[in-house]
């Protein structure tokens, strides 16, 4: 288990103390045996918040260098999910060690072989085999162990970014979205930049989602980045995104890049409040769109809640009830959906139906919830009207 220990220290007047420690688990560490790589590999997995409470199938985000990026990637995903910017996602990080250069770099060209210098000691050029490991072993393993949707994203930083771009070129159907953070495009005399020009010229580049970013890097990394952005935006403008962070260096760029990259890849998930407030048919249409785009069997509770609250504010109680009631059908185990429905009935002065749904909400909300007392108070209040 990967966890953070949080201690709550309560001090008495006499300076004696009682300490209560709770475990906050952010993920699990596992090992799998790879026949393709002929070795055992470590992975780190973080699941969506309510994974155990439903039967949803989730998109999966795979990324390299989990030993340094797992905590920030998992926290970024959970933050964006909580704010309904992206759908809940299963996070799978692949730990890199002494085999990092081997796994993440394409086979060297003849010119590169002659100039590989110190990289020769790290046995570069194993990217094709590592792609095979992902496609034939890791992805099937994750799909067997967890409820996964058929929508996958690959992300990588530095050499991992190079690997992400290389996979985008050579095995585009393995993933639906690609993120390359400060990719090492100088590799092998900028060979991938040259390859990109040929792919675009011959119209052989995929139209999958792609996010490119960089920090304050100069030289070949900067020129290669600018060339790829220009090429891809001209060829695949609708699904190519880029953002440079000149105030961040090669290492610190990762946090911002992950944040903006995930927002870009999943940008079609978002339903702006003003749009969703136009009516329930707009929300239903968006629900079907995101299901088809991201191949999931769920949508967001937030859109119908926003619509219902908008109608409640306008005192259009029937429309509010329709939105909230539909939300309870989509998310029958969510206490807040029933709470809002009960609130709408209460505002409409249909207290029996309000009581029924406040009871359902109270049955579902955990005793440990910080909002439990609010639920109890609402139930007590509506009982007083009957």
Protein backbone atom coordinates (compact mmCIF):
# COMPACT_ATOMS: atom_id res chain seq x y z
CA UNK A 1 0.00 0.00 0.00
CA UNK A 2 1.09 3.55 -0.70
CA UNK A 3 -0.21 5.75 2.06
CA UNK A 4 0.14 9.01 3.92
CA UNK A 5 -0.04 8.98 7.71
CA UNK A 6 -1.98 11.86 9.21
CA UNK A 7 -1.94 12.42 12.93
CA UNK A 8 -4.46 14.49 14.84
CA UNK A 9 -2.99 15.77 18.10
CA UNK A 10 -5.43 16.88 20.79
CA UNK A 11 -3.82 18.79 23.68
CA UNK A 12 -5.51 19.05 27.09
CA UNK A 13 -5.08 21.89 29.59
CA UNK A 14 -2.65 19.74 31.56
CA UNK A 15 -0.56 19.29 28.39
CA UNK A 16 -1.29 15.59 28.24
CA UNK A 17 -2.13 14.45 24.73
CA UNK A 18 -4.12 11.89 22.84
CA UNK A 19 -3.06 11.05 19.32
CA UNK A 20 -5.33 9.53 16.72
CA UNK A 21 -3.77 8.31 13.50
CA UNK A 22 -5.68 7.49 10.33
CA UNK A 23 -4.31 6.02 7.12
CA UNK A 24 -5.00 7.85 3.89
CA UNK A 25 -4.30 5.36 1.12
CA UNK A 26 -3.46 6.84 -2.27
CA UNK A 27 -2.61 3.62 -4.09
CA UNK A 28 -1.08 0.18 -4.22
CA UNK A 29 2.30 -1.10 -5.33
CA UNK A 30 2.33 -4.37 -7.28
CA UNK A 31 4.81 -6.48 -9.19
CA UNK A 32 4.16 -8.38 -12.37
CA UNK A 33 6.35 -10.90 -14.15
CA UNK A 34 7.02 -9.95 -17.76
CA UNK A 35 7.88 -12.65 -20.26
CA UNK A 36 8.42 -9.99 -22.93
CA UNK A 37 11.04 -8.15 -20.86
CA UNK A 38 12.22 -11.30 -19.06
CA UNK A 39 12.07 -9.55 -15.70
CA UNK A 40 9.78 -8.53 -12.84
CA UNK A 41 8.38 -5.00 -12.99
CA UNK A 42 6.86 -2.82 -10.31
CA UNK A 43 3.72 -0.78 -10.96
CA UNK A 44 1.72 1.64 -8.79
CA UNK A 45 -2.07 1.86 -9.04
CA UNK A 46 -4.47 4.50 -7.74
CA UNK A 47 -8.22 3.91 -8.04
CA UNK A 48 -11.06 6.45 -8.24
CA UNK A 49 -12.55 7.56 -4.92
CA UNK A 50 -15.78 5.55 -5.10
CA UNK A 51 -14.43 2.58 -7.06
CA UNK A 52 -15.70 0.02 -4.53
CA UNK A 53 -19.18 1.58 -4.32
CA UNK A 54 -20.29 1.12 -7.93
CA UNK A 55 -19.92 -0.99 -11.06
CA UNK A 56 -18.47 1.73 -13.31
CA UNK A 57 -15.70 1.02 -15.81
CA UNK A 58 -13.02 3.73 -15.88
CA UNK A 59 -10.53 5.15 -18.38
CA UNK A 60 -6.91 4.30 -17.55
CA UNK A 61 -3.90 6.63 -17.44
CA UNK A 62 -0.53 4.90 -17.89
CA UNK A 63 2.75 6.74 -17.32
CA UNK A 64 6.44 6.07 -16.88
CA UNK A 65 8.80 7.02 -14.02
CA UNK A 66 6.22 6.31 -11.32
CA UNK A 67 8.97 6.29 -8.71
CA UNK A 68 9.09 10.09 -8.94
CA UNK A 69 5.73 11.06 -10.46
CA UNK A 70 3.14 8.78 -8.85
CA UNK A 71 2.16 10.97 -5.88
CA UNK A 72 1.73 14.14 -7.92
CA UNK A 73 -0.02 12.37 -10.81
CA UNK A 74 -2.49 10.60 -8.53
CA UNK A 75 -3.25 13.78 -6.57
CA UNK A 76 -3.67 15.80 -9.77
CA UNK A 77 -6.09 13.24 -11.19
CA UNK A 78 -8.13 13.14 -7.98
CA UNK A 79 -8.23 16.93 -7.74
CA UNK A 80 -9.47 17.34 -11.31
CA UNK A 81 -11.99 14.54 -10.79
CA UNK A 82 -13.36 16.09 -7.61
CA UNK A 83 -13.88 19.33 -9.51
CA UNK A 84 -15.57 17.50 -12.42
CA UNK A 85 -12.97 18.66 -14.95
CA UNK A 86 -12.11 15.12 -16.01
CA UNK A 87 -13.85 11.78 -15.42
CA UNK A 88 -12.65 9.49 -12.64
CA UNK A 89 -9.59 7.64 -13.96
CA UNK A 90 -7.57 4.59 -12.91
CA UNK A 91 -3.94 5.70 -12.55
CA UNK A 92 -1.21 3.20 -13.42
CA UNK A 93 2.42 4.23 -12.98
CA UNK A 94 5.30 2.09 -14.23
CA UNK A 95 8.41 2.23 -12.07
CA UNK A 96 11.62 2.87 -13.99
CA UNK A 97 15.05 1.95 -12.69
CA UNK A 98 18.33 1.04 -14.29
CA UNK A 99 16.44 -0.02 -17.43
CA UNK A 100 14.93 3.46 -17.99
CA UNK A 101 17.05 4.41 -20.99
CA UNK A 102 16.63 0.95 -22.49
CA UNK A 103 12.85 0.97 -22.17
CA UNK A 104 12.06 4.50 -23.25
CA UNK A 105 14.29 5.05 -26.29
CA UNK A 106 13.76 3.87 -29.87
CA UNK A 107 16.37 1.78 -31.63
CA UNK A 108 19.23 4.00 -32.79
CA UNK A 109 19.80 4.81 -36.44
CA UNK A 110 23.13 3.87 -38.02
CA UNK A 111 24.37 7.39 -37.41
CA UNK A 112 23.14 7.22 -33.86
CA UNK A 113 24.83 3.86 -33.31
CA UNK A 114 28.13 5.45 -34.24
CA UNK A 115 27.63 8.34 -31.82
CA UNK A 116 25.79 6.74 -28.92
CA UNK A 117 28.74 7.41 -26.56
CA UNK A 118 27.86 6.91 -22.89
CA UNK A 119 24.34 5.72 -23.67
CA UNK A 120 25.88 2.52 -25.00
CA UNK A 121 26.44 1.48 -21.40
CA UNK A 122 22.70 1.75 -20.76
CA UNK A 123 21.70 -0.46 -23.68
CA UNK A 124 19.35 1.98 -25.43
CA UNK A 125 16.80 1.14 -28.09
CA UNK A 126 14.27 -1.05 -26.29
CA UNK A 127 11.16 1.07 -26.88
CA UNK A 128 9.56 -1.40 -29.31
CA UNK A 129 9.88 -4.22 -26.80
CA UNK A 130 8.53 -1.97 -24.03
CA UNK A 131 5.51 -1.13 -26.21
CA UNK A 132 4.96 -4.87 -26.65
CA UNK A 133 5.11 -5.26 -22.86
CA UNK A 134 2.41 -2.59 -22.49
CA UNK A 135 0.15 -4.00 -25.18
CA UNK A 136 0.50 -7.71 -24.51
CA UNK A 137 1.04 -7.85 -20.76
CA UNK A 138 0.42 -4.71 -18.70
CA UNK A 139 -2.79 -3.47 -20.32
CA UNK A 140 -4.40 -6.96 -20.31
CA UNK A 141 -3.33 -7.40 -16.67
CA UNK A 142 -4.92 -4.09 -15.61
CA UNK A 143 -8.07 -4.90 -17.59
CA UNK A 144 -8.33 -8.26 -15.82
CA UNK A 145 -7.71 -6.89 -12.33
CA UNK A 146 -9.84 -3.75 -12.55
CA UNK A 147 -12.99 -2.44 -14.25
CA UNK A 148 -11.50 -0.58 -17.18
CA UNK A 149 -13.13 1.32 -20.03
CA UNK A 150 -11.68 1.00 -23.51
CA UNK A 151 -10.10 4.46 -23.31
CA UNK A 152 -6.43 4.71 -22.43
CA UNK A 153 -3.94 7.58 -22.10
CA UNK A 154 -0.14 7.34 -22.14
CA UNK A 155 2.01 10.00 -20.49
CA UNK A 156 5.74 10.44 -20.07
CA UNK A 157 8.33 13.04 -19.08
CA UNK A 158 11.76 13.63 -20.66
CA UNK A 159 12.78 10.25 -22.11
CA UNK A 160 9.27 9.16 -21.14
CA UNK A 161 7.96 12.01 -23.29
CA UNK A 162 10.13 10.76 -26.15
CA UNK A 163 8.61 7.31 -25.65
CA UNK A 164 5.09 8.75 -25.65
CA UNK A 165 5.72 10.51 -28.98
CA UNK A 166 7.33 7.38 -30.44
CA UNK A 167 4.34 5.25 -29.42
CA UNK A 168 2.02 7.89 -30.91
CA UNK A 169 3.89 7.46 -34.21
CA UNK A 170 4.33 3.71 -34.30
CA UNK A 171 1.41 2.16 -32.34
CA UNK A 172 -1.25 4.91 -32.31
CA UNK A 173 -4.16 2.55 -31.67
CA UNK A 174 -2.70 1.29 -28.40
CA UNK A 175 -3.85 4.48 -26.64
CA UNK A 176 -6.54 7.08 -27.23
CA UNK A 177 -4.57 10.00 -25.85
CA UNK A 178 -0.88 10.88 -25.52
CA UNK A 179 0.92 13.32 -23.22
CA UNK A 180 4.57 14.23 -23.78
CA UNK A 181 6.13 16.44 -21.11
CA UNK A 182 9.44 18.05 -22.12
CA UNK A 183 10.15 15.16 -24.52
CA UNK A 184 13.84 14.48 -25.22
CA UNK A 185 13.51 15.20 -28.93
CA UNK A 186 17.26 15.70 -29.28
CA UNK A 187 17.58 11.89 -29.11
CA UNK A 188 19.31 10.28 -32.09
CA UNK A 189 19.92 13.59 -33.89
CA UNK A 190 16.26 14.61 -33.58
CA UNK A 191 15.13 11.55 -35.50
CA UNK A 192 11.53 11.72 -34.28
CA UNK A 193 11.25 15.31 -35.50
CA UNK A 194 12.36 14.13 -38.95
CA UNK A 195 9.92 11.21 -38.76
CA UNK A 196 7.09 13.59 -37.84
CA UNK A 197 7.66 15.66 -40.97
CA UNK A 198 7.36 12.54 -43.13
CA UNK A 199 4.23 11.30 -41.33
CA UNK A 200 2.46 14.63 -41.78
CA UNK A 201 3.56 15.00 -45.40
CA UNK A 202 2.27 11.53 -46.26
CA UNK A 203 -0.84 11.94 -44.09
CA UNK A 204 0.01 8.88 -42.03
CA UNK A 205 -0.25 10.49 -38.61
CA UNK A 206 -3.04 9.44 -36.26
CA UNK A 207 -5.85 11.74 -35.16
CA UNK A 208 -5.72 10.73 -31.49
CA UNK A 209 -5.58 13.25 -28.64
CA UNK A 210 -2.10 14.69 -28.09
CA UNK A 211 -0.72 17.14 -25.52
CA UNK A 212 2.81 18.52 -25.80
CA UNK A 213 4.52 20.71 -23.23
CA UNK A 214 7.92 21.97 -22.19
CA UNK A 215 9.61 24.12 -19.57
CA UNK A 216 12.47 26.55 -20.09
CA UNK A 217 14.52 24.10 -22.17
CA UNK A 218 16.47 25.53 -25.08
CA UNK A 219 18.38 24.09 -28.01
CA UNK A 220 17.17 20.94 -29.73
CA UNK A 221 14.45 20.30 -27.14
CA UNK A 222 12.90 23.70 -27.78
CA UNK A 223 13.25 23.65 -31.57
CA UNK A 224 11.96 20.08 -31.76
CA UNK A 225 8.99 20.96 -29.55
CA UNK A 226 8.07 23.96 -31.69
CA UNK A 227 8.36 21.92 -34.89
CA UNK A 228 6.12 19.14 -33.58
CA UNK A 229 3.52 21.59 -32.28
CA UNK A 230 3.39 23.36 -35.65
CA UNK A 231 3.19 20.11 -37.61
CA UNK A 232 0.57 18.44 -35.44
CA UNK A 233 -1.61 21.51 -35.10
CA UNK A 234 -1.71 21.86 -38.88
CA UNK A 235 -2.60 18.17 -39.30
CA UNK A 236 -4.76 17.37 -36.26
CA UNK A 237 -5.82 20.76 -34.91
CA UNK A 238 -8.96 19.62 -33.10
CA UNK A 239 -7.14 17.10 -30.91
CA UNK A 240 -3.65 18.56 -30.60
CA UNK A 241 -2.90 20.72 -27.57
CA UNK A 242 0.29 22.38 -26.37
CA UNK A 243 1.45 24.63 -23.57
CA UNK A 244 4.89 25.94 -22.68
CA UNK A 245 5.88 26.91 -19.13
CA UNK A 246 8.88 29.26 -19.43
CA UNK A 247 9.04 29.81 -15.66
CA UNK A 248 9.57 26.10 -14.97
CA UNK A 249 12.70 24.03 -15.55
CA UNK A 250 12.98 20.51 -16.93
CA UNK A 251 11.98 18.95 -13.61
CA UNK A 252 9.46 21.38 -12.13
CA UNK A 253 7.43 21.56 -15.36
CA UNK A 254 5.91 18.16 -14.65
CA UNK A 255 3.24 19.27 -12.16
CA UNK A 256 1.77 22.02 -14.37
CA UNK A 257 2.06 19.89 -17.50
CA UNK A 258 0.11 17.01 -15.98
CA UNK A 259 -2.60 19.39 -14.78
CA UNK A 260 -3.09 21.13 -18.13
CA UNK A 261 -2.47 17.97 -20.14
CA UNK A 262 -5.22 16.01 -18.44
CA UNK A 263 -7.62 18.92 -18.86
CA UNK A 264 -6.76 19.01 -22.56
CA UNK A 265 -7.07 15.29 -23.23
CA UNK A 266 -10.44 15.13 -21.44
CA UNK A 267 -11.69 18.57 -22.49
CA UNK A 268 -14.86 17.13 -24.03
CA UNK A 269 -15.93 15.85 -20.62
CA UNK A 270 -16.76 19.35 -19.39
CA UNK A 271 -20.29 20.76 -19.64
CA UNK A 272 -20.22 24.51 -18.85
CA UNK A 273 -22.78 25.58 -16.25
CA UNK A 274 -24.48 28.03 -18.60
CA UNK A 275 -24.92 25.33 -21.23
CA UNK A 276 -26.18 22.67 -18.84
CA UNK A 277 -28.64 25.11 -17.29
CA UNK A 278 -30.51 25.35 -20.60
CA UNK A 279 -32.46 22.18 -19.87
CA UNK A 280 -32.45 18.48 -19.18
CA UNK A 281 -32.28 17.51 -22.85
CA UNK A 282 -28.95 19.35 -23.16
CA UNK A 283 -27.61 17.37 -20.20
CA UNK A 284 -28.88 14.06 -21.57
CA UNK A 285 -27.29 14.78 -24.93
CA UNK A 286 -23.98 15.59 -23.25
CA UNK A 287 -24.24 12.40 -21.18
CA UNK A 288 -24.44 10.31 -24.33
CA UNK A 289 -21.61 12.24 -25.94
CA UNK A 290 -19.13 11.61 -23.12
CA UNK A 291 -20.16 7.97 -22.87
CA UNK A 292 -19.34 7.48 -26.54
CA UNK A 293 -16.19 9.62 -26.54
CA UNK A 294 -14.57 8.11 -23.47
CA UNK A 295 -16.25 4.69 -23.74
CA UNK A 296 -17.55 4.79 -20.17
CA UNK A 297 -20.77 3.45 -18.63
CA UNK A 298 -21.32 6.47 -16.37
CA UNK A 299 -21.59 10.25 -16.51
CA UNK A 300 -21.29 13.06 -13.97
CA UNK A 301 -23.65 13.83 -11.11
CA UNK A 302 -22.59 17.46 -11.24
CA UNK A 303 -24.34 18.42 -14.46
CA UNK A 304 -27.81 17.43 -13.32
CA UNK A 305 -27.17 18.91 -9.88
CA UNK A 306 -26.19 22.20 -11.51
CA UNK A 307 -29.33 22.14 -13.65
CA UNK A 308 -31.55 21.27 -10.70
CA UNK A 309 -30.05 24.00 -8.52
CA UNK A 310 -30.48 26.51 -11.33
CA UNK A 311 -34.16 25.60 -11.68
CA UNK A 312 -34.59 25.64 -7.89
CA UNK A 313 -33.15 29.15 -7.75
CA UNK A 314 -35.73 30.23 -10.37
CA UNK A 315 -38.43 28.46 -8.32
CA UNK A 316 -39.18 26.16 -11.24
CA UNK A 317 -39.75 23.29 -8.83
CA UNK A 318 -41.06 20.75 -11.34
CA UNK A 319 -38.00 21.18 -13.56
CA UNK A 320 -35.70 20.97 -10.54
CA UNK A 321 -37.41 17.78 -9.36
CA UNK A 322 -37.13 16.28 -12.85
CA UNK A 323 -33.37 16.91 -12.90
CA UNK A 324 -32.74 15.67 -9.37
CA UNK A 325 -34.98 12.63 -9.80
CA UNK A 326 -33.18 11.66 -13.00
CA UNK A 327 -29.88 11.98 -11.13
CA UNK A 328 -31.03 9.52 -8.46
CA UNK A 329 -31.76 7.00 -11.21
CA UNK A 330 -28.28 7.44 -12.65
CA UNK A 331 -26.57 7.44 -9.24
CA UNK A 332 -28.83 5.46 -6.87
CA UNK A 333 -26.15 5.14 -4.20
CA UNK A 334 -25.37 8.85 -3.89
CA UNK A 335 -26.79 10.42 -0.75
CA UNK A 336 -26.49 13.99 -2.02
CA UNK A 337 -28.68 13.26 -5.04
CA UNK A 338 -31.55 12.27 -2.72
CA UNK A 339 -30.80 15.21 -0.43
CA UNK A 340 -31.22 17.68 -3.30
CA UNK A 341 -34.37 15.95 -4.51
CA UNK A 342 -35.79 16.14 -0.99
CA UNK A 343 -34.87 19.82 -0.80
CA UNK A 344 -36.77 20.50 -4.03
CA UNK A 345 -39.85 18.72 -2.71
CA UNK A 346 -39.55 20.68 0.53
CA UNK A 347 -39.40 23.97 -1.37
CA UNK A 348 -42.50 22.89 -3.27
CA UNK A 349 -44.11 22.07 0.11
CA UNK A 350 -44.61 18.41 -0.77
CA UNK A 351 -43.38 17.37 2.64
CA UNK A 352 -44.22 13.66 2.47
CA UNK A 353 -42.03 13.21 -0.61
CA UNK A 354 -39.38 15.42 0.97
CA UNK A 355 -39.38 13.21 4.07
CA UNK A 356 -39.10 10.04 1.98
CA UNK A 357 -36.02 11.31 0.16
CA UNK A 358 -34.36 12.82 3.23
CA UNK A 359 -34.68 9.36 4.82
CA UNK A 360 -33.04 7.78 1.77
CA UNK A 361 -30.27 10.38 1.92
CA UNK A 362 -29.67 9.71 5.61
CA UNK A 363 -29.55 5.96 5.02
CA UNK A 364 -26.81 6.44 2.44
CA UNK A 365 -24.63 9.13 4.00
CA UNK A 366 -21.87 7.61 6.18
CA UNK A 367 -21.92 8.26 9.91
CA UNK A 368 -18.38 9.61 9.58
CA UNK A 369 -19.37 12.20 6.97
CA UNK A 370 -18.75 15.80 8.09
CA UNK A 371 -22.17 16.59 6.62
CA UNK A 372 -24.08 13.92 8.55
CA UNK A 373 -25.53 16.44 11.00
CA UNK A 374 -26.83 18.58 8.13
CA UNK A 375 -28.70 15.56 6.80
CA UNK A 376 -30.17 14.80 10.24
CA UNK A 377 -31.20 18.42 10.76
CA UNK A 378 -32.95 18.51 7.38
CA UNK A 379 -34.83 15.31 8.22
CA UNK A 380 -35.88 16.65 11.61
CA UNK A 381 -37.01 19.94 10.10
CA UNK A 382 -39.29 18.40 7.47
CA UNK A 383 -40.81 16.03 10.06
CA UNK A 384 -41.97 19.14 11.85
CA UNK A 385 -44.10 20.13 8.89
CA UNK A 386 -46.10 16.88 8.94
